[in-house]
Amino acid sequence: METTKFLDAKGLACPMPIVRAKKAMNELESGEILEIHTTDKGSKSDLSAWSKSSGHELLKQEEENGIFKFWIKKA
């Protein structure tokens, strides 16, 4: 998947991954994709809920070796 911007939020606890994601998303144009990597287990539900409430589309999420990866398309 081709991403426009990458956000490394590993090591950050809630709510910082959301705060950083919101800031990064503000720098994107509609239709561009933000890739986020976190280590906070809570980010699985937090980023999913945030993207839905913000009108963005969570394209994909996966977990690999304790790292949670998200791809969110800007509305």
PDB file of N, CA and C in Angstrom:
ATOM      1  N   MET A   1       0.843  -1.179   0.000  1.00  0.00           N
ATOM      2  CA  MET A   1       0.000   0.000   0.000  1.00  0.00           C
ATOM      3  C   MET A   1       0.887   1.241   0.000  1.00  0.00           C
ATOM      4  N   GLU A   2       0.581   2.158  -0.864  1.00  0.00           N
ATOM      5  CA  GLU A   2       1.387   3.374  -0.951  1.00  0.00           C
ATOM      6  C   GLU A   2       0.879   4.406   0.055  1.00  0.00           C
ATOM      7  N   THR A   3       1.763   4.815   0.958  1.00  0.00           N
ATOM      8  CA  THR A   3       1.377   5.798   1.966  1.00  0.00           C
ATOM      9  C   THR A   3       1.982   7.151   1.634  1.00  0.00           C
ATOM     10  N   THR A   4       1.288   8.192   2.059  1.00  0.00           N
ATOM     11  CA  THR A   4       1.745   9.549   1.834  1.00  0.00           C
ATOM     12  C   THR A   4       2.652  10.005   2.974  1.00  0.00           C
ATOM     13  N   LYS A   5       2.277   9.619   4.197  1.00  0.00           N
ATOM     14  CA  LYS A   5       3.013  10.053   5.379  1.00  0.00           C
ATOM     15  C   LYS A   5       3.113   8.885   6.362  1.00  0.00           C
ATOM     16  N   PHE A   6       4.245   8.808   7.061  1.00  0.00           N
ATOM     17  CA  PHE A   6       4.472   7.770   8.066  1.00  0.00           C
ATOM     18  C   PHE A   6       4.606   8.423   9.434  1.00  0.00           C
ATOM     19  N   LEU A   7       3.917   7.863  10.427  1.00  0.00           N
ATOM     20  CA  LEU A   7       3.982   8.358  11.796  1.00  0.00           C
ATOM     21  C   LEU A   7       4.481   7.243  12.699  1.00  0.00           C
ATOM     22  N   ASP A   8       5.623   7.465  13.331  1.00  0.00           N
ATOM     23  CA  ASP A   8       6.181   6.513  14.289  1.00  0.00           C
ATOM     24  C   ASP A   8       5.746   6.944  15.686  1.00  0.00           C
ATOM     25  N   ALA A   9       4.751   6.260  16.237  1.00  0.00           N
ATOM     26  CA  ALA A   9       4.244   6.578  17.571  1.00  0.00           C
ATOM     27  C   ALA A   9       4.592   5.462  18.553  1.00  0.00           C
ATOM     28  N   LYS A  10       5.623   4.682  18.236  1.00  0.00           N
ATOM     29  CA  LYS A  10       6.038   3.594  19.125  1.00  0.00           C
ATOM     30  C   LYS A  10       6.571   4.179  20.434  1.00  0.00           C
ATOM     31  N   GLY A  11       6.202   3.539  21.543  1.00  0.00           N
ATOM     32  CA  GLY A  11       6.664   3.988  22.853  1.00  0.00           C
ATOM     33  C   GLY A  11       5.788   5.063  23.475  1.00  0.00           C
ATOM     34  N   LEU A  12       4.820   5.557  22.729  1.00  0.00           N
ATOM     35  CA  LEU A  12       3.922   6.593  23.262  1.00  0.00           C
ATOM     36  C   LEU A  12       2.678   5.950  23.854  1.00  0.00           C
ATOM     37  N   ALA A  13       2.239   6.470  24.995  1.00  0.00           N
ATOM     38  CA  ALA A  13       1.022   5.961  25.640  1.00  0.00           C
ATOM     39  C   ALA A  13      -0.159   6.851  25.276  1.00  0.00           C
ATOM     40  N   CYS A  14      -1.342   6.294  25.421  1.00  0.00           N
ATOM     41  CA  CYS A  14      -2.581   7.009  25.158  1.00  0.00           C
ATOM     42  C   CYS A  14      -2.594   8.300  25.987  1.00  0.00           C
ATOM     43  N   PRO A  15      -2.997   9.424  25.454  1.00  0.00           N
ATOM     44  CA  PRO A  15      -3.629   9.652  24.158  1.00  0.00           C
ATOM     45  C   PRO A  15      -2.664  10.135  23.067  1.00  0.00           C
ATOM     46  N   MET A  16      -1.365  10.045  23.308  1.00  0.00           N
ATOM     47  CA  MET A  16      -0.397  10.644  22.366  1.00  0.00           C
ATOM     48  C   MET A  16      -0.463  10.078  20.939  1.00  0.00           C
ATOM     49  N   PRO A  17      -0.658   8.772  20.726  1.00  0.00           N
ATOM     50  CA  PRO A  17      -0.770   8.317  19.334  1.00  0.00           C
ATOM     51  C   PRO A  17      -1.914   9.014  18.580  1.00  0.00           C
ATOM     52  N   ILE A  18      -3.034   9.254  19.263  1.00  0.00           N
ATOM     53  CA  ILE A  18      -4.168   9.944  18.642  1.00  0.00           C
ATOM     54  C   ILE A  18      -3.819  11.405  18.380  1.00  0.00           C
ATOM     55  N   VAL A  19      -3.203  12.051  19.352  1.00  0.00           N
ATOM     56  CA  VAL A  19      -2.816  13.464  19.201  1.00  0.00           C
ATOM     57  C   VAL A  19      -1.876  13.626  18.011  1.00  0.00           C
ATOM     58  N   ARG A  20      -0.874  12.754  17.923  1.00  0.00           N
ATOM     59  CA  ARG A  20       0.082  12.827  16.803  1.00  0.00           C
ATOM     60  C   ARG A  20      -0.580  12.492  15.468  1.00  0.00           C
ATOM     61  N   ALA A  21      -1.492  11.504  15.492  1.00  0.00           N
ATOM     62  CA  ALA A  21      -2.192  11.120  14.260  1.00  0.00           C
ATOM     63  C   ALA A  21      -3.045  12.275  13.749  1.00  0.00           C
ATOM     64  N   LYS A  22      -3.718  12.947  14.651  1.00  0.00           N
ATOM     65  CA  LYS A  22      -4.566  14.087  14.262  1.00  0.00           C
ATOM     66  C   LYS A  22      -3.716  15.185  13.627  1.00  0.00           C
ATOM     67  N   LYS A  23      -2.576  15.479  14.245  1.00  0.00           N
ATOM     68  CA  LYS A  23      -1.675  16.510  13.718  1.00  0.00           C
ATOM     69  C   LYS A  23      -1.153  16.111  12.330  1.00  0.00           C
ATOM     70  N   ALA A  24      -0.745  14.856  12.186  1.00  0.00           N
ATOM     71  CA  ALA A  24      -0.230  14.370  10.902  1.00  0.00           C
ATOM     72  C   ALA A  24      -1.318  14.384   9.833  1.00  0.00           C
ATOM     73  N   MET A  25      -2.530  14.026  10.216  1.00  0.00           N
ATOM     74  CA  MET A  25      -3.643  13.989   9.263  1.00  0.00           C
ATOM     75  C   MET A  25      -3.970  15.387   8.747  1.00  0.00           C
ATOM     76  N   ASN A  26      -3.785  16.398   9.607  1.00  0.00           N
ATOM     77  CA  ASN A  26      -4.045  17.783   9.192  1.00  0.00           C
ATOM     78  C   ASN A  26      -3.099  18.245   8.088  1.00  0.00           C
ATOM     79  N   GLU A  27      -1.967  17.565   7.952  1.00  0.00           N
ATOM     80  CA  GLU A  27      -0.979  17.932   6.928  1.00  0.00           C
ATOM     81  C   GLU A  27      -1.240  17.241   5.592  1.00  0.00           C
ATOM     82  N   LEU A  28      -2.227  16.332   5.554  1.00  0.00           N
ATOM     83  CA  LEU A  28      -2.514  15.575   4.340  1.00  0.00           C
ATOM     84  C   LEU A  28      -3.686  16.158   3.571  1.00  0.00           C
ATOM     85  N   GLU A  29      -3.731  15.831   2.282  1.00  0.00           N
ATOM     86  CA  GLU A  29      -4.864  16.189   1.430  1.00  0.00           C
ATOM     87  C   GLU A  29      -5.867  15.039   1.467  1.00  0.00           C
ATOM     88  N   SER A  30      -7.103  15.321   1.111  1.00  0.00           N
ATOM     89  CA  SER A  30      -8.141  14.303   1.049  1.00  0.00           C
ATOM     90  C   SER A  30      -7.714  13.165   0.122  1.00  0.00           C
ATOM     91  N   GLY A  31      -7.896  11.930   0.592  1.00  0.00           N
ATOM     92  CA  GLY A  31      -7.543  10.761  -0.206  1.00  0.00           C
ATOM     93  C   GLY A  31      -6.139  10.230   0.042  1.00  0.00           C
ATOM     94  N   GLU A  32      -5.300  11.013   0.720  1.00  0.00           N
ATOM     95  CA  GLU A  32      -3.940  10.552   1.021  1.00  0.00           C
ATOM     96  C   GLU A  32      -3.976   9.618   2.230  1.00  0.00           C
ATOM     97  N   ILE A  33      -2.936   8.796   2.351  1.00  0.00           N
ATOM     98  CA  ILE A  33      -2.924   7.741   3.373  1.00  0.00           C
ATOM     99  C   ILE A  33      -1.809   7.966   4.403  1.00  0.00           C
ATOM    100  N   LEU A  34      -2.209   7.863   5.669  1.00  0.00           N
ATOM    101  CA  LEU A  34      -1.283   7.973   6.793  1.00  0.00           C
ATOM    102  C   LEU A  34      -1.038   6.577   7.343  1.00  0.00           C
ATOM    103  N   GLU A  35       0.234   6.201   7.457  1.00  0.00           N
ATOM    104  CA  GLU A  35       0.611   4.924   8.074  1.00  0.00           C
ATOM    105  C   GLU A  35       1.122   5.229   9.471  1.00  0.00           C
ATOM    106  N   ILE A  36       0.581   4.526  10.460  1.00  0.00           N
ATOM    107  CA  ILE A  36       0.941   4.760  11.865  1.00  0.00           C
ATOM    108  C   ILE A  36       1.429   3.451  12.478  1.00  0.00           C
ATOM    109  N   HIS A  37       2.549   3.516  13.210  1.00  0.00           N
ATOM    110  CA  HIS A  37       3.044   2.363  13.972  1.00  0.00           C
ATOM    111  C   HIS A  37       3.030   2.747  15.450  1.00  0.00           C
ATOM    112  N   THR A  38       2.408   1.911  16.291  1.00  0.00           N
ATOM    113  CA  THR A  38       2.364   2.157  17.733  1.00  0.00           C
ATOM    114  C   THR A  38       2.707   0.869  18.488  1.00  0.00           C
ATOM    115  N   THR A  39       2.990   1.025  19.765  1.00  0.00           N
ATOM    116  CA  THR A  39       3.196  -0.136  20.634  1.00  0.00           C
ATOM    117  C   THR A  39       2.149  -0.166  21.742  1.00  0.00           C
ATOM    118  N   ASP A  40       1.286   0.829  21.795  1.00  0.00           N
ATOM    119  CA  ASP A  40       0.238   0.925  22.816  1.00  0.00           C
ATOM    120  C   ASP A  40      -0.958   0.055  22.418  1.00  0.00           C
ATOM    121  N   LYS A  41      -1.252  -0.974  23.235  1.00  0.00           N
ATOM    122  CA  LYS A  41      -2.373  -1.882  22.921  1.00  0.00           C
ATOM    123  C   LYS A  41      -3.697  -1.142  22.781  1.00  0.00           C
ATOM    124  N   GLY A  42      -3.874  -0.084  23.559  1.00  0.00           N
ATOM    125  CA  GLY A  42      -5.113   0.695  23.510  1.00  0.00           C
ATOM    126  C   GLY A  42      -5.326   1.403  22.185  1.00  0.00           C
ATOM    127  N   SER A  43      -4.252   1.567  21.424  1.00  0.00           N
ATOM    128  CA  SER A  43      -4.378   2.284  20.154  1.00  0.00           C
ATOM    129  C   SER A  43      -5.214   1.505  19.143  1.00  0.00           C
ATOM    130  N   LYS A  44      -5.335   0.174  19.342  1.00  0.00           N
ATOM    131  CA  LYS A  44      -6.152  -0.625  18.414  1.00  0.00           C
ATOM    132  C   LYS A  44      -7.586  -0.106  18.399  1.00  0.00           C
ATOM    133  N   SER A  45      -8.168   0.048  19.572  1.00  0.00           N
ATOM    134  CA  SER A  45      -9.544   0.555  19.627  1.00  0.00           C
ATOM    135  C   SER A  45      -9.588   2.070  19.463  1.00  0.00           C
ATOM    136  N   ASP A  46      -8.587   2.768  20.016  1.00  0.00           N
ATOM    137  CA  ASP A  46      -8.574   4.232  19.954  1.00  0.00           C
ATOM    138  C   ASP A  46      -8.487   4.756  18.526  1.00  0.00           C
ATOM    139  N   LEU A  47      -7.540   4.245  17.744  1.00  0.00           N
ATOM    140  CA  LEU A  47      -7.369   4.742  16.373  1.00  0.00           C
ATOM    141  C   LEU A  47      -8.539   4.348  15.484  1.00  0.00           C
ATOM    142  N   SER A  48      -9.104   3.182  15.732  1.00  0.00           N
ATOM    143  CA  SER A  48     -10.273   2.755  14.971  1.00  0.00           C
ATOM    144  C   SER A  48     -11.452   3.696  15.245  1.00  0.00           C
ATOM    145  N   ALA A  49     -11.707   3.969  16.512  1.00  0.00           N
ATOM    146  CA  ALA A  49     -12.810   4.861  16.897  1.00  0.00           C
ATOM    147  C   ALA A  49     -12.554   6.285  16.420  1.00  0.00           C
ATOM    148  N   TRP A  50     -11.317   6.755  16.558  1.00  0.00           N
ATOM    149  CA  TRP A  50     -10.993   8.116  16.140  1.00  0.00           C
ATOM    150  C   TRP A  50     -11.176   8.294  14.633  1.00  0.00           C
ATOM    151  N   SER A  51     -10.699   7.337  13.851  1.00  0.00           N
ATOM    152  CA  SER A  51     -10.818   7.481  12.398  1.00  0.00           C
ATOM    153  C   SER A  51     -12.282   7.495  11.983  1.00  0.00           C
ATOM    154  N   LYS A  52     -13.095   6.672  12.630  1.00  0.00           N
ATOM    155  CA  LYS A  52     -14.527   6.629  12.315  1.00  0.00           C
ATOM    156  C   LYS A  52     -15.211   7.945  12.699  1.00  0.00           C
ATOM    157  N   SER A  53     -14.931   8.442  13.899  1.00  0.00           N
ATOM    158  CA  SER A  53     -15.581   9.671  14.368  1.00  0.00           C
ATOM    159  C   SER A  53     -15.098  10.900  13.599  1.00  0.00           C
ATOM    160  N   SER A  54     -13.892  10.812  13.016  1.00  0.00           N
ATOM    161  CA  SER A  54     -13.347  11.936  12.243  1.00  0.00           C
ATOM    162  C   SER A  54     -13.752  11.873  10.776  1.00  0.00           C
ATOM    163  N   GLY A  55     -14.385  10.767  10.386  1.00  0.00           N
ATOM    164  CA  GLY A  55     -14.810  10.627   9.000  1.00  0.00           C
ATOM    165  C   GLY A  55     -13.751  10.029   8.093  1.00  0.00           C
ATOM    166  N   HIS A  56     -12.607   9.645   8.665  1.00  0.00           N
ATOM    167  CA  HIS A  56     -11.537   9.027   7.880  1.00  0.00           C
ATOM    168  C   HIS A  56     -11.807   7.530   7.746  1.00  0.00           C
ATOM    169  N   GLU A  57     -11.124   6.893   6.814  1.00  0.00           N
ATOM    170  CA  GLU A  57     -11.344   5.464   6.571  1.00  0.00           C
ATOM    171  C   GLU A  57     -10.132   4.654   7.020  1.00  0.00           C
ATOM    172  N   LEU A  58     -10.361   3.757   7.977  1.00  0.00           N
ATOM    173  CA  LEU A  58      -9.311   2.837   8.414  1.00  0.00           C
ATOM    174  C   LEU A  58      -9.237   1.727   7.371  1.00  0.00           C
ATOM    175  N   LEU A  59      -8.199   1.770   6.537  1.00  0.00           N
ATOM    176  CA  LEU A  59      -8.081   0.825   5.435  1.00  0.00           C
ATOM    177  C   LEU A  59      -7.624  -0.544   5.893  1.00  0.00           C
ATOM    178  N   LYS A  60      -6.690  -0.538   6.860  1.00  0.00           N
ATOM    179  CA  LYS A  60      -6.093  -1.800   7.277  1.00  0.00           C
ATOM    180  C   LYS A  60      -5.435  -1.615   8.632  1.00  0.00           C
ATOM    181  N   GLN A  61      -5.423  -2.688   9.427  1.00  0.00           N
ATOM    182  CA  GLN A  61      -4.635  -2.681  10.661  1.00  0.00           C
ATOM    183  C   GLN A  61      -4.094  -4.083  10.869  1.00  0.00           C
ATOM    184  N   GLU A  62      -2.884  -4.141  11.382  1.00  0.00           N
ATOM    185  CA  GLU A  62      -2.268  -5.439  11.644  1.00  0.00           C
ATOM    186  C   GLU A  62      -1.306  -5.312  12.815  1.00  0.00           C
ATOM    187  N   GLU A  63      -0.965  -6.459  13.382  1.00  0.00           N
ATOM    188  CA  GLU A  63      -0.011  -6.504  14.485  1.00  0.00           C
ATOM    189  C   GLU A  63       1.154  -7.393  14.069  1.00  0.00           C
ATOM    190  N   GLU A  64       2.365  -6.905  14.306  1.00  0.00           N
ATOM    191  CA  GLU A  64       3.561  -7.660  13.948  1.00  0.00           C
ATOM    192  C   GLU A  64       4.620  -7.448  15.016  1.00  0.00           C
ATOM    193  N   ASN A  65       4.950  -8.508  15.740  1.00  0.00           N
ATOM    194  CA  ASN A  65       5.980  -8.454  16.793  1.00  0.00           C
ATOM    195  C   ASN A  65       5.723  -7.357  17.815  1.00  0.00           C
ATOM    196  N   GLY A  66       4.466  -7.209  18.247  1.00  0.00           N
ATOM    197  CA  GLY A  66       4.135  -6.207  19.264  1.00  0.00           C
ATOM    198  C   GLY A  66       3.984  -4.799  18.736  1.00  0.00           C
ATOM    199  N   ILE A  67       4.068  -4.635  17.436  1.00  0.00           N
ATOM    200  CA  ILE A  67       3.883  -3.312  16.823  1.00  0.00           C
ATOM    201  C   ILE A  67       2.551  -3.320  16.084  1.00  0.00           C
ATOM    202  N   PHE A  68       1.726  -2.340  16.413  1.00  0.00           N
ATOM    203  CA  PHE A  68       0.418  -2.216  15.779  1.00  0.00           C
ATOM    204  C   PHE A  68       0.545  -1.227  14.624  1.00  0.00           C
ATOM    205  N   LYS A  69       0.101  -1.661  13.457  1.00  0.00           N
ATOM    206  CA  LYS A  69       0.242  -0.844  12.244  1.00  0.00           C
ATOM    207  C   LYS A  69      -1.143  -0.506  11.706  1.00  0.00           C
ATOM    208  N   PHE A  70      -1.318   0.749  11.333  1.00  0.00           N
ATOM    209  CA  PHE A  70      -2.604   1.248  10.834  1.00  0.00           C
ATOM    210  C   PHE A  70      -2.374   2.036   9.555  1.00  0.00           C
ATOM    211  N   TRP A  71      -3.321   1.909   8.639  1.00  0.00           N
ATOM    212  CA  TRP A  71      -3.328   2.704   7.420  1.00  0.00           C
ATOM    213  C   TRP A  71      -4.679   3.406   7.358  1.00  0.00           C
ATOM    214  N   ILE A  72      -4.643   4.742   7.435  1.00  0.00           N
ATOM    215  CA  ILE A  72      -5.871   5.524   7.480  1.00  0.00           C
ATOM    216  C   ILE A  72      -5.897   6.502   6.308  1.00  0.00           C
ATOM    217  N   LYS A  73      -7.006   6.471   5.591  1.00  0.00           N
ATOM    218  CA  LYS A  73      -7.188   7.352   4.422  1.00  0.00           C
ATOM    219  C   LYS A  73      -7.947   8.589   4.851  1.00  0.00           C
ATOM    220  N   LYS A  74      -7.404   9.752   4.526  1.00  0.00           N
ATOM    221  CA  LYS A  74      -8.040  11.011   4.917  1.00  0.00           C
ATOM    222  C   LYS A  74      -9.328  11.230   4.133  1.00  0.00           C
ATOM    223  N   ALA A  75     -10.354  11.680   4.853  1.00  0.00           N
ATOM    224  CA  ALA A  75     -11.654  11.959   4.243  1.00  0.00           C
ATOM    225  C   ALA A  75     -11.583  13.182   3.339  1.00  0.00           C
TER     226      ALA A  75
END
